[in-house]
């Protein structure tokens, strides 16, 4: 299992020292159910906290940025360095999260904490 060693979530710097997110709706408010740790069906780890996301492909490679919500079921992820934004339609049911990008690709996650 790729997460058998100490969890990258122990990284105390996660979510600290960044500029204000670019979106207006706070992910911690009425949509707090997205917060936490999610494991993808390909083994990747998605962490959502305080309007930020971090996706670990393995223990040493990750991407992070600003997270925002648009409307009822649209989620945006922005790379703060390049400014690139990816939009996803999302659906949440219990401890399962599905993201669909604009090309129709489906990303499936289950909550692990």
PDB file of N, CA and C in Angstrom:
ATOM      1  N   UNK A   1       0.847  -1.176   0.000  1.00  0.00           N
ATOM      2  CA  UNK A   1       0.000   0.000   0.000  1.00  0.00           C
ATOM      3  C   UNK A   1       0.891   1.237   0.000  1.00  0.00           C
ATOM      4  N   UNK A   2       0.639   2.206  -0.871  1.00  0.00           N
ATOM      5  CA  UNK A   2       1.541   3.343  -0.974  1.00  0.00           C
ATOM      6  C   UNK A   2       1.567   4.229   0.260  1.00  0.00           C
ATOM      7  N   UNK A   3       0.608   4.106   1.176  1.00  0.00           N
ATOM      8  CA  UNK A   3       0.562   4.987   2.332  1.00  0.00           C
ATOM      9  C   UNK A   3       0.978   4.265   3.600  1.00  0.00           C
ATOM     10  N   UNK A   4       1.782   3.182   3.465  1.00  0.00           N
ATOM     11  CA  UNK A   4       2.199   2.406   4.619  1.00  0.00           C
ATOM     12  C   UNK A   4       3.184   3.181   5.499  1.00  0.00           C
ATOM     13  N   UNK A   5       3.945   4.098   4.915  1.00  0.00           N
ATOM     14  CA  UNK A   5       4.882   4.898   5.679  1.00  0.00           C
ATOM     15  C   UNK A   5       4.153   6.110   6.248  1.00  0.00           C
ATOM     16  N   UNK A   6       4.842   6.956   7.003  1.00  0.00           N
ATOM     17  CA  UNK A   6       4.168   8.118   7.604  1.00  0.00           C
ATOM     18  C   UNK A   6       3.398   8.926   6.569  1.00  0.00           C
ATOM     19  N   UNK A   7       2.232   9.346   6.938  1.00  0.00           N
ATOM     20  CA  UNK A   7       1.330  10.055   6.041  1.00  0.00           C
ATOM     21  C   UNK A   7       1.849  11.430   5.680  1.00  0.00           C
ATOM     22  N   UNK A   8       1.705  11.841   4.404  1.00  0.00           N
ATOM     23  CA  UNK A   8       2.081  13.195   4.032  1.00  0.00           C
ATOM     24  C   UNK A   8       1.215  14.234   4.734  1.00  0.00           C
ATOM     25  N   UNK A   9       0.110  13.820   5.321  1.00  0.00           N
ATOM     26  CA  UNK A   9      -0.761  14.753   6.030  1.00  0.00           C
ATOM     27  C   UNK A   9      -0.071  15.313   7.266  1.00  0.00           C
ATOM     28  N   UNK A  10       0.983  14.655   7.705  1.00  0.00           N
ATOM     29  CA  UNK A  10       1.714  15.131   8.872  1.00  0.00           C
ATOM     30  C   UNK A  10       2.519  16.388   8.552  1.00  0.00           C
ATOM     31  N   UNK A  11       2.579  16.773   7.286  1.00  0.00           N
ATOM     32  CA  UNK A  11       3.297  17.963   6.856  1.00  0.00           C
ATOM     33  C   UNK A  11       2.621  19.199   7.442  1.00  0.00           C
ATOM     34  N   UNK A  12       3.232  19.810   8.439  1.00  0.00           N
ATOM     35  CA  UNK A  12       2.635  20.943   9.144  1.00  0.00           C
ATOM     36  C   UNK A  12       2.548  22.186   8.279  1.00  0.00           C
ATOM     37  N   UNK A  13       3.298  22.247   7.175  1.00  0.00           N
ATOM     38  CA  UNK A  13       3.279  23.444   6.342  1.00  0.00           C
ATOM     39  C   UNK A  13       2.086  23.471   5.402  1.00  0.00           C
ATOM     40  N   UNK A  14       1.357  22.378   5.303  1.00  0.00           N
ATOM     41  CA  UNK A  14       0.238  22.312   4.366  1.00  0.00           C
ATOM     42  C   UNK A  14      -0.789  23.387   4.669  1.00  0.00           C
ATOM     43  N   UNK A  15      -1.118  24.169   3.657  1.00  0.00           N
ATOM     44  CA  UNK A  15      -2.163  25.168   3.782  1.00  0.00           C
ATOM     45  C   UNK A  15      -1.742  26.442   4.503  1.00  0.00           C
ATOM     46  N   UNK A  16      -0.462  26.606   4.765  1.00  0.00           N
ATOM     47  CA  UNK A  16      -0.017  27.804   5.458  1.00  0.00           C
ATOM     48  C   UNK A  16       0.783  28.686   4.512  1.00  0.00           C
ATOM     49  N   UNK A  17       0.691  29.992   4.711  1.00  0.00           N
ATOM     50  CA  UNK A  17       1.547  30.917   3.997  1.00  0.00           C
ATOM     51  C   UNK A  17       1.158  31.192   2.563  1.00  0.00           C
ATOM     52  N   UNK A  18      -0.069  30.960   2.189  1.00  0.00           N
ATOM     53  CA  UNK A  18      -0.494  31.205   0.822  1.00  0.00           C
ATOM     54  C   UNK A  18      -1.324  32.467   0.736  1.00  0.00           C
ATOM     55  N   UNK A  19      -1.438  33.001  -0.485  1.00  0.00           N
ATOM     56  CA  UNK A  19      -2.267  34.172  -0.710  1.00  0.00           C
ATOM     57  C   UNK A  19      -3.731  33.786  -0.532  1.00  0.00           C
ATOM     58  N   UNK A  20      -4.590  34.802  -0.466  1.00  0.00           N
ATOM     59  CA  UNK A  20      -6.017  34.540  -0.359  1.00  0.00           C
ATOM     60  C   UNK A  20      -6.494  33.787  -1.599  1.00  0.00           C
ATOM     61  N   UNK A  21      -7.376  32.806  -1.446  1.00  0.00           N
ATOM     62  CA  UNK A  21      -7.927  32.099  -2.593  1.00  0.00           C
ATOM     63  C   UNK A  21      -8.661  33.043  -3.533  1.00  0.00           C
ATOM     64  N   UNK A  22      -8.797  32.631  -4.796  1.00  0.00           N
ATOM     65  CA  UNK A  22      -9.371  33.480  -5.829  1.00  0.00           C
ATOM     66  C   UNK A  22     -10.887  33.427  -5.870  1.00  0.00           C
ATOM     67  N   UNK A  23     -11.534  32.578  -5.107  1.00  0.00           N
ATOM     68  CA  UNK A  23     -12.975  32.379  -5.196  1.00  0.00           C
ATOM     69  C   UNK A  23     -13.678  33.087  -4.052  1.00  0.00           C
ATOM     70  N   UNK A  24     -14.984  33.188  -4.183  1.00  0.00           N
ATOM     71  CA  UNK A  24     -15.731  33.904  -3.159  1.00  0.00           C
ATOM     72  C   UNK A  24     -16.413  32.989  -2.148  1.00  0.00           C
ATOM     73  N   UNK A  25     -16.736  31.770  -2.526  1.00  0.00           N
ATOM     74  CA  UNK A  25     -17.453  30.874  -1.611  1.00  0.00           C
ATOM     75  C   UNK A  25     -16.455  30.059  -0.807  1.00  0.00           C
ATOM     76  N   UNK A  26     -16.540  30.102   0.501  1.00  0.00           N
ATOM     77  CA  UNK A  26     -15.601  29.417   1.376  1.00  0.00           C
ATOM     78  C   UNK A  26     -15.910  27.930   1.431  1.00  0.00           C
ATOM     79  N   UNK A  27     -14.901  27.106   1.146  1.00  0.00           N
ATOM     80  CA  UNK A  27     -15.067  25.657   1.176  1.00  0.00           C
ATOM     81  C   UNK A  27     -15.279  25.170   2.602  1.00  0.00           C
ATOM     82  N   UNK A  28     -14.863  25.928   3.581  1.00  0.00           N
ATOM     83  CA  UNK A  28     -15.032  25.511   4.964  1.00  0.00           C
ATOM     84  C   UNK A  28     -16.422  25.778   5.505  1.00  0.00           C
ATOM     85  N   UNK A  29     -17.230  26.580   4.841  1.00  0.00           N
ATOM     86  CA  UNK A  29     -18.556  26.939   5.321  1.00  0.00           C
ATOM     87  C   UNK A  29     -19.556  25.839   5.083  1.00  0.00           C
ATOM     88  N   UNK A  30     -20.556  26.128   4.270  1.00  0.00           N
ATOM     89  CA  UNK A  30     -21.634  25.177   4.053  1.00  0.00           C
ATOM     90  C   UNK A  30     -21.190  23.926   3.303  1.00  0.00           C
ATOM     91  N   UNK A  31     -20.029  23.940   2.697  1.00  0.00           N
ATOM     92  CA  UNK A  31     -19.545  22.781   1.958  1.00  0.00           C
ATOM     93  C   UNK A  31     -18.371  22.117   2.656  1.00  0.00           C
ATOM     94  N   UNK A  32     -18.354  22.176   3.974  1.00  0.00           N
ATOM     95  CA  UNK A  32     -17.267  21.599   4.749  1.00  0.00           C
ATOM     96  C   UNK A  32     -17.156  20.090   4.554  1.00  0.00           C
ATOM     97  N   UNK A  33     -18.200  19.457   4.028  1.00  0.00           N
ATOM     98  CA  UNK A  33     -18.155  18.010   3.826  1.00  0.00           C
ATOM     99  C   UNK A  33     -17.075  17.600   2.825  1.00  0.00           C
ATOM    100  N   UNK A  34     -16.562  18.536   2.029  1.00  0.00           N
ATOM    101  CA  UNK A  34     -15.473  18.219   1.103  1.00  0.00           C
ATOM    102  C   UNK A  34     -14.124  18.186   1.808  1.00  0.00           C
ATOM    103  N   UNK A  35     -14.026  18.799   2.976  1.00  0.00           N
ATOM    104  CA  UNK A  35     -12.767  18.845   3.703  1.00  0.00           C
ATOM    105  C   UNK A  35     -12.350  17.472   4.194  1.00  0.00           C
ATOM    106  N   UNK A  36     -11.042  17.265   4.256  1.00  0.00           N
ATOM    107  CA  UNK A  36     -10.500  16.013   4.767  1.00  0.00           C
ATOM    108  C   UNK A  36      -9.581  15.339   3.777  1.00  0.00           C
ATOM    109  N   UNK A  37      -9.400  14.036   3.968  1.00  0.00           N
ATOM    110  CA  UNK A  37      -8.509  13.255   3.104  1.00  0.00           C
ATOM    111  C   UNK A  37      -9.321  12.249   2.303  1.00  0.00           C
ATOM    112  N   UNK A  38      -8.987  12.168   1.028  1.00  0.00           N
ATOM    113  CA  UNK A  38      -9.672  11.280   0.094  1.00  0.00           C
ATOM    114  C   UNK A  38      -8.625  10.462  -0.660  1.00  0.00           C
ATOM    115  N   UNK A  39      -8.892   9.173  -0.845  1.00  0.00           N
ATOM    116  CA  UNK A  39      -7.988   8.340  -1.631  1.00  0.00           C
ATOM    117  C   UNK A  39      -8.657   7.996  -2.952  1.00  0.00           C
ATOM    118  N   UNK A  40      -7.911   8.225  -4.043  1.00  0.00           N
ATOM    119  CA  UNK A  40      -8.425   7.953  -5.371  1.00  0.00           C
ATOM    120  C   UNK A  40      -8.326   6.486  -5.727  1.00  0.00           C
ATOM    121  N   UNK A  41      -9.067   6.084  -6.741  1.00  0.00           N
ATOM    122  CA  UNK A  41      -9.059   4.684  -7.154  1.00  0.00           C
ATOM    123  C   UNK A  41      -7.739   4.289  -7.812  1.00  0.00           C
ATOM    124  N   UNK A  42      -6.855   5.251  -8.052  1.00  0.00           N
ATOM    125  CA  UNK A  42      -5.516   4.957  -8.592  1.00  0.00           C
ATOM    126  C   UNK A  42      -4.446   5.070  -7.513  1.00  0.00           C
ATOM    127  N   UNK A  43      -4.868   5.261  -6.257  1.00  0.00           N
ATOM    128  CA  UNK A  43      -3.937   5.323  -5.142  1.00  0.00           C
ATOM    129  C   UNK A  43      -3.510   6.718  -4.732  1.00  0.00           C
ATOM    130  N   UNK A  44      -3.877   7.741  -5.501  1.00  0.00           N
ATOM    131  CA  UNK A  44      -3.484   9.100  -5.144  1.00  0.00           C
ATOM    132  C   UNK A  44      -4.248   9.571  -3.916  1.00  0.00           C
ATOM    133  N   UNK A  45      -3.687  10.546  -3.229  1.00  0.00           N
ATOM    134  CA  UNK A  45      -4.288  11.089  -2.025  1.00  0.00           C
ATOM    135  C   UNK A  45      -4.648  12.547  -2.284  1.00  0.00           C
ATOM    136  N   UNK A  46      -5.903  12.913  -2.055  1.00  0.00           N
ATOM    137  CA  UNK A  46      -6.391  14.278  -2.206  1.00  0.00           C
ATOM    138  C   UNK A  46      -6.715  14.813  -0.822  1.00  0.00           C
ATOM    139  N   UNK A  47      -6.108  15.939  -0.482  1.00  0.00           N
ATOM    140  CA  UNK A  47      -6.372  16.578   0.802  1.00  0.00           C
ATOM    141  C   UNK A  47      -7.013  17.926   0.525  1.00  0.00           C
ATOM    142  N   UNK A  48      -8.084  18.234   1.260  1.00  0.00           N
ATOM    143  CA  UNK A  48      -8.793  19.502   1.115  1.00  0.00           C
ATOM    144  C   UNK A  48      -8.912  20.121   2.503  1.00  0.00           C
ATOM    145  N   UNK A  49      -8.434  21.383   2.613  1.00  0.00           N
ATOM    146  CA  UNK A  49      -8.495  22.066   3.900  1.00  0.00           C
ATOM    147  C   UNK A  49      -8.310  23.565   3.696  1.00  0.00           C
ATOM    148  N   UNK A  50      -9.158  24.360   4.349  1.00  0.00           N
ATOM    149  CA  UNK A  50      -9.016  25.812   4.378  1.00  0.00           C
ATOM    150  C   UNK A  50      -8.901  26.446   2.988  1.00  0.00           C
ATOM    151  N   UNK A  51      -9.737  26.002   2.059  1.00  0.00           N
ATOM    152  CA  UNK A  51      -9.723  26.589   0.732  1.00  0.00           C
ATOM    153  C   UNK A  51      -8.518  26.216  -0.102  1.00  0.00           C
ATOM    154  N   UNK A  52      -7.845  25.140   0.273  1.00  0.00           N
ATOM    155  CA  UNK A  52      -6.648  24.658  -0.429  1.00  0.00           C
ATOM    156  C   UNK A  52      -6.823  23.182  -0.751  1.00  0.00           C
ATOM    157  N   UNK A  53      -6.100  22.729  -1.766  1.00  0.00           N
ATOM    158  CA  UNK A  53      -6.044  21.307  -2.066  1.00  0.00           C
ATOM    159  C   UNK A  53      -4.593  20.901  -2.229  1.00  0.00           C
ATOM    160  N   UNK A  54      -4.328  19.645  -1.996  1.00  0.00           N
ATOM    161  CA  UNK A  54      -3.024  19.038  -2.277  1.00  0.00           C
ATOM    162  C   UNK A  54      -3.306  17.631  -2.763  1.00  0.00           C
ATOM    163  N   UNK A  55      -2.727  17.267  -3.896  1.00  0.00           N
ATOM    164  CA  UNK A  55      -2.886  15.930  -4.456  1.00  0.00           C
ATOM    165  C   UNK A  55      -1.516  15.266  -4.494  1.00  0.00           C
ATOM    166  N   UNK A  56      -1.400  14.159  -3.770  1.00  0.00           N
ATOM    167  CA  UNK A  56      -0.171  13.370  -3.756  1.00  0.00           C
ATOM    168  C   UNK A  56      -0.308  12.232  -4.756  1.00  0.00           C
ATOM    169  N   UNK A  57       0.631  12.163  -5.697  1.00  0.00           N
ATOM    170  CA  UNK A  57       0.686  11.016  -6.600  1.00  0.00           C
ATOM    171  C   UNK A  57       1.397   9.867  -5.913  1.00  0.00           C
ATOM    172  N   UNK A  58       2.387  10.190  -5.092  1.00  0.00           N
ATOM    173  CA  UNK A  58       3.069   9.252  -4.214  1.00  0.00           C
ATOM    174  C   UNK A  58       3.588  10.083  -3.038  1.00  0.00           C
ATOM    175  N   UNK A  59       4.443   9.534  -2.220  1.00  0.00           N
ATOM    176  CA  UNK A  59       4.859  10.256  -1.007  1.00  0.00           C
ATOM    177  C   UNK A  59       5.734  11.468  -1.284  1.00  0.00           C
ATOM    178  N   UNK A  60       6.313  11.554  -2.469  1.00  0.00           N
ATOM    179  CA  UNK A  60       7.225  12.654  -2.737  1.00  0.00           C
ATOM    180  C   UNK A  60       6.741  13.621  -3.815  1.00  0.00           C
ATOM    181  N   UNK A  61       5.753  13.251  -4.601  1.00  0.00           N
ATOM    182  CA  UNK A  61       5.284  14.114  -5.688  1.00  0.00           C
ATOM    183  C   UNK A  61       3.864  14.571  -5.402  1.00  0.00           C
ATOM    184  N   UNK A  62       3.670  15.897  -5.410  1.00  0.00           N
ATOM    185  CA  UNK A  62       2.330  16.431  -5.175  1.00  0.00           C
ATOM    186  C   UNK A  62       2.155  17.740  -5.927  1.00  0.00           C
ATOM    187  N   UNK A  63       0.882  18.107  -6.087  1.00  0.00           N
ATOM    188  CA  UNK A  63       0.491  19.403  -6.631  1.00  0.00           C
ATOM    189  C   UNK A  63      -0.462  20.010  -5.627  1.00  0.00           C
ATOM    190  N   UNK A  64      -0.437  21.333  -5.525  1.00  0.00           N
ATOM    191  CA  UNK A  64      -1.323  21.998  -4.584  1.00  0.00           C
ATOM    192  C   UNK A  64      -1.760  23.338  -5.146  1.00  0.00           C
ATOM    193  N   UNK A  65      -2.816  23.873  -4.548  1.00  0.00           N
ATOM    194  CA  UNK A  65      -3.297  25.163  -5.000  1.00  0.00           C
ATOM    195  C   UNK A  65      -4.565  25.571  -4.278  1.00  0.00           C
ATOM    196  N   UNK A  66      -5.236  26.548  -4.857  1.00  0.00           N
ATOM    197  CA  UNK A  66      -6.473  27.086  -4.301  1.00  0.00           C
ATOM    198  C   UNK A  66      -7.663  26.261  -4.763  1.00  0.00           C
ATOM    199  N   UNK A  67      -8.636  26.119  -3.895  1.00  0.00           N
ATOM    200  CA  UNK A  67      -9.838  25.364  -4.196  1.00  0.00           C
ATOM    201  C   UNK A  67     -11.041  26.279  -4.038  1.00  0.00           C
ATOM    202  N   UNK A  68     -11.961  26.227  -4.975  1.00  0.00           N
ATOM    203  CA  UNK A  68     -13.155  27.043  -4.888  1.00  0.00           C
ATOM    204  C   UNK A  68     -14.377  26.297  -5.365  1.00  0.00           C
ATOM    205  N   UNK A  69     -15.538  26.804  -4.997  1.00  0.00           N
ATOM    206  CA  UNK A  69     -16.807  26.222  -5.413  1.00  0.00           C
ATOM    207  C   UNK A  69     -17.581  27.250  -6.208  1.00  0.00           C
ATOM    208  N   UNK A  70     -18.229  26.788  -7.266  1.00  0.00           N
ATOM    209  CA  UNK A  70     -19.070  27.646  -8.095  1.00  0.00           C
ATOM    210  C   UNK A  70     -20.427  26.979  -8.201  1.00  0.00           C
ATOM    211  N   UNK A  71     -21.444  27.644  -7.726  1.00  0.00           N
ATOM    212  CA  UNK A  71     -22.785  27.075  -7.807  1.00  0.00           C
ATOM    213  C   UNK A  71     -22.942  25.851  -6.927  1.00  0.00           C
ATOM    214  N   UNK A  72     -23.890  25.004  -7.307  1.00  0.00           N
ATOM    215  CA  UNK A  72     -24.240  23.835  -6.499  1.00  0.00           C
ATOM    216  C   UNK A  72     -23.245  22.691  -6.610  1.00  0.00           C
ATOM    217  N   UNK A  73     -22.664  22.484  -7.797  1.00  0.00           N
ATOM    218  CA  UNK A  73     -21.867  21.265  -7.972  1.00  0.00           C
ATOM    219  C   UNK A  73     -20.620  21.458  -8.823  1.00  0.00           C
ATOM    220  N   UNK A  74     -20.075  22.665  -8.868  1.00  0.00           N
ATOM    221  CA  UNK A  74     -18.845  22.909  -9.613  1.00  0.00           C
ATOM    222  C   UNK A  74     -17.714  23.247  -8.646  1.00  0.00           C
ATOM    223  N   UNK A  75     -16.582  22.603  -8.860  1.00  0.00           N
ATOM    224  CA  UNK A  75     -15.412  22.783  -8.037  1.00  0.00           C
ATOM    225  C   UNK A  75     -14.287  23.264  -8.943  1.00  0.00           C
ATOM    226  N   UNK A  76     -13.490  24.218  -8.502  1.00  0.00           N
ATOM    227  CA  UNK A  76     -12.362  24.703  -9.286  1.00  0.00           C
ATOM    228  C   UNK A  76     -11.079  24.521  -8.493  1.00  0.00           C
ATOM    229  N   UNK A  77     -10.019  24.147  -9.192  1.00  0.00           N
ATOM    230  CA  UNK A  77      -8.693  24.014  -8.607  1.00  0.00           C
ATOM    231  C   UNK A  77      -7.762  24.917  -9.397  1.00  0.00           C
ATOM    232  N   UNK A  78      -7.066  25.809  -8.692  1.00  0.00           N
ATOM    233  CA  UNK A  78      -6.192  26.768  -9.355  1.00  0.00           C
ATOM    234  C   UNK A  78      -4.760  26.576  -8.896  1.00  0.00           C
ATOM    235  N   UNK A  79      -3.850  26.491  -9.863  1.00  0.00           N
ATOM    236  CA  UNK A  79      -2.418  26.466  -9.589  1.00  0.00           C
ATOM    237  C   UNK A  79      -1.988  27.909  -9.361  1.00  0.00           C
ATOM    238  N   UNK A  80      -1.527  28.267  -8.152  1.00  0.00           N
ATOM    239  CA  UNK A  80      -1.198  29.660  -7.877  1.00  0.00           C
ATOM    240  C   UNK A  80       0.021  30.166  -8.635  1.00  0.00           C
ATOM    241  N   UNK A  81       0.892  29.278  -9.087  1.00  0.00           N
ATOM    242  CA  UNK A  81       2.085  29.696  -9.822  1.00  0.00           C
ATOM    243  C   UNK A  81       1.740  30.055 -11.260  1.00  0.00           C
ATOM    244  N   UNK A  82       1.056  29.156 -11.959  1.00  0.00           N
ATOM    245  CA  UNK A  82       0.729  29.390 -13.368  1.00  0.00           C
ATOM    246  C   UNK A  82      -0.588  30.142 -13.548  1.00  0.00           C
ATOM    247  N   UNK A  83      -1.467  30.068 -12.544  1.00  0.00           N
ATOM    248  CA  UNK A  83      -2.787  30.676 -12.663  1.00  0.00           C
ATOM    249  C   UNK A  83      -3.784  29.785 -13.386  1.00  0.00           C
ATOM    250  N   UNK A  84      -3.347  28.612 -13.871  1.00  0.00           N
ATOM    251  CA  UNK A  84      -4.252  27.688 -14.563  1.00  0.00           C
ATOM    252  C   UNK A  84      -5.345  27.199 -13.627  1.00  0.00           C
ATOM    253  N   UNK A  85      -6.562  27.139 -14.162  1.00  0.00           N
ATOM    254  CA  UNK A  85      -7.720  26.695 -13.387  1.00  0.00           C
ATOM    255  C   UNK A  85      -8.316  25.467 -14.053  1.00  0.00           C
ATOM    256  N   UNK A  86      -8.610  24.462 -13.250  1.00  0.00           N
ATOM    257  CA  UNK A  86      -9.318  23.277 -13.730  1.00  0.00           C
ATOM    258  C   UNK A  86     -10.668  23.248 -13.051  1.00  0.00           C
ATOM    259  N   UNK A  87     -11.702  23.001 -13.846  1.00  0.00           N
ATOM    260  CA  UNK A  87     -13.066  22.943 -13.305  1.00  0.00           C
ATOM    261  C   UNK A  87     -13.573  21.506 -13.362  1.00  0.00           C
ATOM    262  N   UNK A  88     -14.286  21.142 -12.308  1.00  0.00           N
ATOM    263  CA  UNK A  88     -14.855  19.803 -12.198  1.00  0.00           C
ATOM    264  C   UNK A  88     -16.290  19.912 -11.729  1.00  0.00           C
ATOM    265  N   UNK A  89     -17.137  19.079 -12.291  1.00  0.00           N
ATOM    266  CA  UNK A  89     -18.455  18.859 -11.715  1.00  0.00           C
ATOM    267  C   UNK A  89     -18.229  17.822 -10.624  1.00  0.00           C
ATOM    268  N   UNK A  90     -18.829  18.021  -9.451  1.00  0.00           N
ATOM    269  CA  UNK A  90     -18.614  17.040  -8.396  1.00  0.00           C
ATOM    270  C   UNK A  90     -19.932  16.526  -7.844  1.00  0.00           C
ATOM    271  N   UNK A  91     -19.852  15.299  -7.331  1.00  0.00           N
ATOM    272  CA  UNK A  91     -20.988  14.674  -6.662  1.00  0.00           C
ATOM    273  C   UNK A  91     -20.445  13.997  -5.408  1.00  0.00           C
ATOM    274  N   UNK A  92     -21.166  14.181  -4.328  1.00  0.00           N
ATOM    275  CA  UNK A  92     -20.763  13.625  -3.045  1.00  0.00           C
ATOM    276  C   UNK A  92     -21.900  12.770  -2.515  1.00  0.00           C
ATOM    277  N   UNK A  93     -21.572  11.528  -2.171  1.00  0.00           N
ATOM    278  CA  UNK A  93     -22.573  10.632  -1.589  1.00  0.00           C
ATOM    279  C   UNK A  93     -21.892   9.851  -0.479  1.00  0.00           C
ATOM    280  N   UNK A  94     -22.247  10.173   0.754  1.00  0.00           N
ATOM    281  CA  UNK A  94     -21.613   9.510   1.890  1.00  0.00           C
ATOM    282  C   UNK A  94     -20.124   9.788   1.898  1.00  0.00           C
ATOM    283  N   UNK A  95     -19.339   8.729   1.905  1.00  0.00           N
ATOM    284  CA  UNK A  95     -17.885   8.853   1.908  1.00  0.00           C
ATOM    285  C   UNK A  95     -17.287   8.671   0.523  1.00  0.00           C
ATOM    286  N   UNK A  96     -18.062   8.942  -0.512  1.00  0.00           N
ATOM    287  CA  UNK A  96     -17.582   8.818  -1.888  1.00  0.00           C
ATOM    288  C   UNK A  96     -17.704  10.157  -2.599  1.00  0.00           C
ATOM    289  N   UNK A  97     -16.659  10.503  -3.336  1.00  0.00           N
ATOM    290  CA  UNK A  97     -16.598  11.752  -4.076  1.00  0.00           C
ATOM    291  C   UNK A  97     -16.262  11.441  -5.529  1.00  0.00           C
ATOM    292  N   UNK A  98     -17.021  11.993  -6.449  1.00  0.00           N
ATOM    293  CA  UNK A  98     -16.755  11.831  -7.877  1.00  0.00           C
ATOM    294  C   UNK A  98     -16.525  13.212  -8.486  1.00  0.00           C
ATOM    295  N   UNK A  99     -15.462  13.338  -9.265  1.00  0.00           N
ATOM    296  CA  UNK A  99     -15.156  14.571  -9.991  1.00  0.00           C
ATOM    297  C   UNK A  99     -15.154  14.246 -11.476  1.00  0.00           C
ATOM    298  N   UNK A 100     -15.809  15.101 -12.270  1.00  0.00           N
ATOM    299  CA  UNK A 100     -15.799  14.917 -13.722  1.00  0.00           C
ATOM    300  C   UNK A 100     -15.265  16.189 -14.349  1.00  0.00           C
ATOM    301  N   UNK A 101     -14.181  16.055 -15.143  1.00  0.00           N
ATOM    302  CA  UNK A 101     -13.611  17.237 -15.772  1.00  0.00           C
ATOM    303  C   UNK A 101     -14.386  17.596 -17.040  1.00  0.00           C
ATOM    304  N   UNK A 102     -13.978  18.671 -17.695  1.00  0.00           N
ATOM    305  CA  UNK A 102     -14.707  19.171 -18.861  1.00  0.00           C
ATOM    306  C   UNK A 102     -14.618  18.228 -20.054  1.00  0.00           C
ATOM    307  N   UNK A 103     -13.634  17.329 -20.059  1.00  0.00           N
ATOM    308  CA  UNK A 103     -13.504  16.343 -21.125  1.00  0.00           C
ATOM    309  C   UNK A 103     -14.324  15.086 -20.838  1.00  0.00           C
ATOM    310  N   UNK A 104     -14.957  15.021 -19.657  1.00  0.00           N
ATOM    311  CA  UNK A 104     -15.771  13.865 -19.300  1.00  0.00           C
ATOM    312  C   UNK A 104     -15.037  12.788 -18.528  1.00  0.00           C
ATOM    313  N   UNK A 105     -13.754  13.013 -18.206  1.00  0.00           N
ATOM    314  CA  UNK A 105     -12.992  12.042 -17.426  1.00  0.00           C
ATOM    315  C   UNK A 105     -13.502  12.033 -15.989  1.00  0.00           C
ATOM    316  N   UNK A 106     -13.648  10.854 -15.433  1.00  0.00           N
ATOM    317  CA  UNK A 106     -14.199  10.681 -14.100  1.00  0.00           C
ATOM    318  C   UNK A 106     -13.098  10.300 -13.118  1.00  0.00           C
ATOM    319  N   UNK A 107     -13.027  11.017 -12.004  1.00  0.00           N
ATOM    320  CA  UNK A 107     -12.070  10.729 -10.920  1.00  0.00           C
ATOM    321  C   UNK A 107     -12.884  10.328  -9.698  1.00  0.00           C
ATOM    322  N   UNK A 108     -12.587   9.160  -9.141  1.00  0.00           N
ATOM    323  CA  UNK A 108     -13.348   8.631  -8.007  1.00  0.00           C
ATOM    324  C   UNK A 108     -12.487   8.582  -6.753  1.00  0.00           C
ATOM    325  N   UNK A 109     -13.062   9.004  -5.638  1.00  0.00           N
ATOM    326  CA  UNK A 109     -12.362   9.044  -4.354  1.00  0.00           C
ATOM    327  C   UNK A 109     -13.248   8.481  -3.258  1.00  0.00           C
ATOM    328  N   UNK A 110     -12.592   7.973  -2.210  1.00  0.00           N
ATOM    329  CA  UNK A 110     -13.305   7.569  -0.998  1.00  0.00           C
ATOM    330  C   UNK A 110     -12.625   8.263   0.170  1.00  0.00           C
ATOM    331  N   UNK A 111     -13.443   8.683   1.130  1.00  0.00           N
ATOM    332  CA  UNK A 111     -12.905   9.394   2.296  1.00  0.00           C
ATOM    333  C   UNK A 111     -12.105   8.421   3.160  1.00  0.00           C
ATOM    334  N   UNK A 112     -10.948   8.867   3.577  1.00  0.00           N
ATOM    335  CA  UNK A 112     -10.134   8.036   4.476  1.00  0.00           C
ATOM    336  C   UNK A 112      -9.977   8.695   5.837  1.00  0.00           C
ATOM    337  N   UNK A 113     -10.461   9.931   5.985  1.00  0.00           N
ATOM    338  CA  UNK A 113     -10.469  10.594   7.295  1.00  0.00           C
ATOM    339  C   UNK A 113     -11.339  11.800   7.258  1.00  0.00           C
TER     340      UNK A 113
END
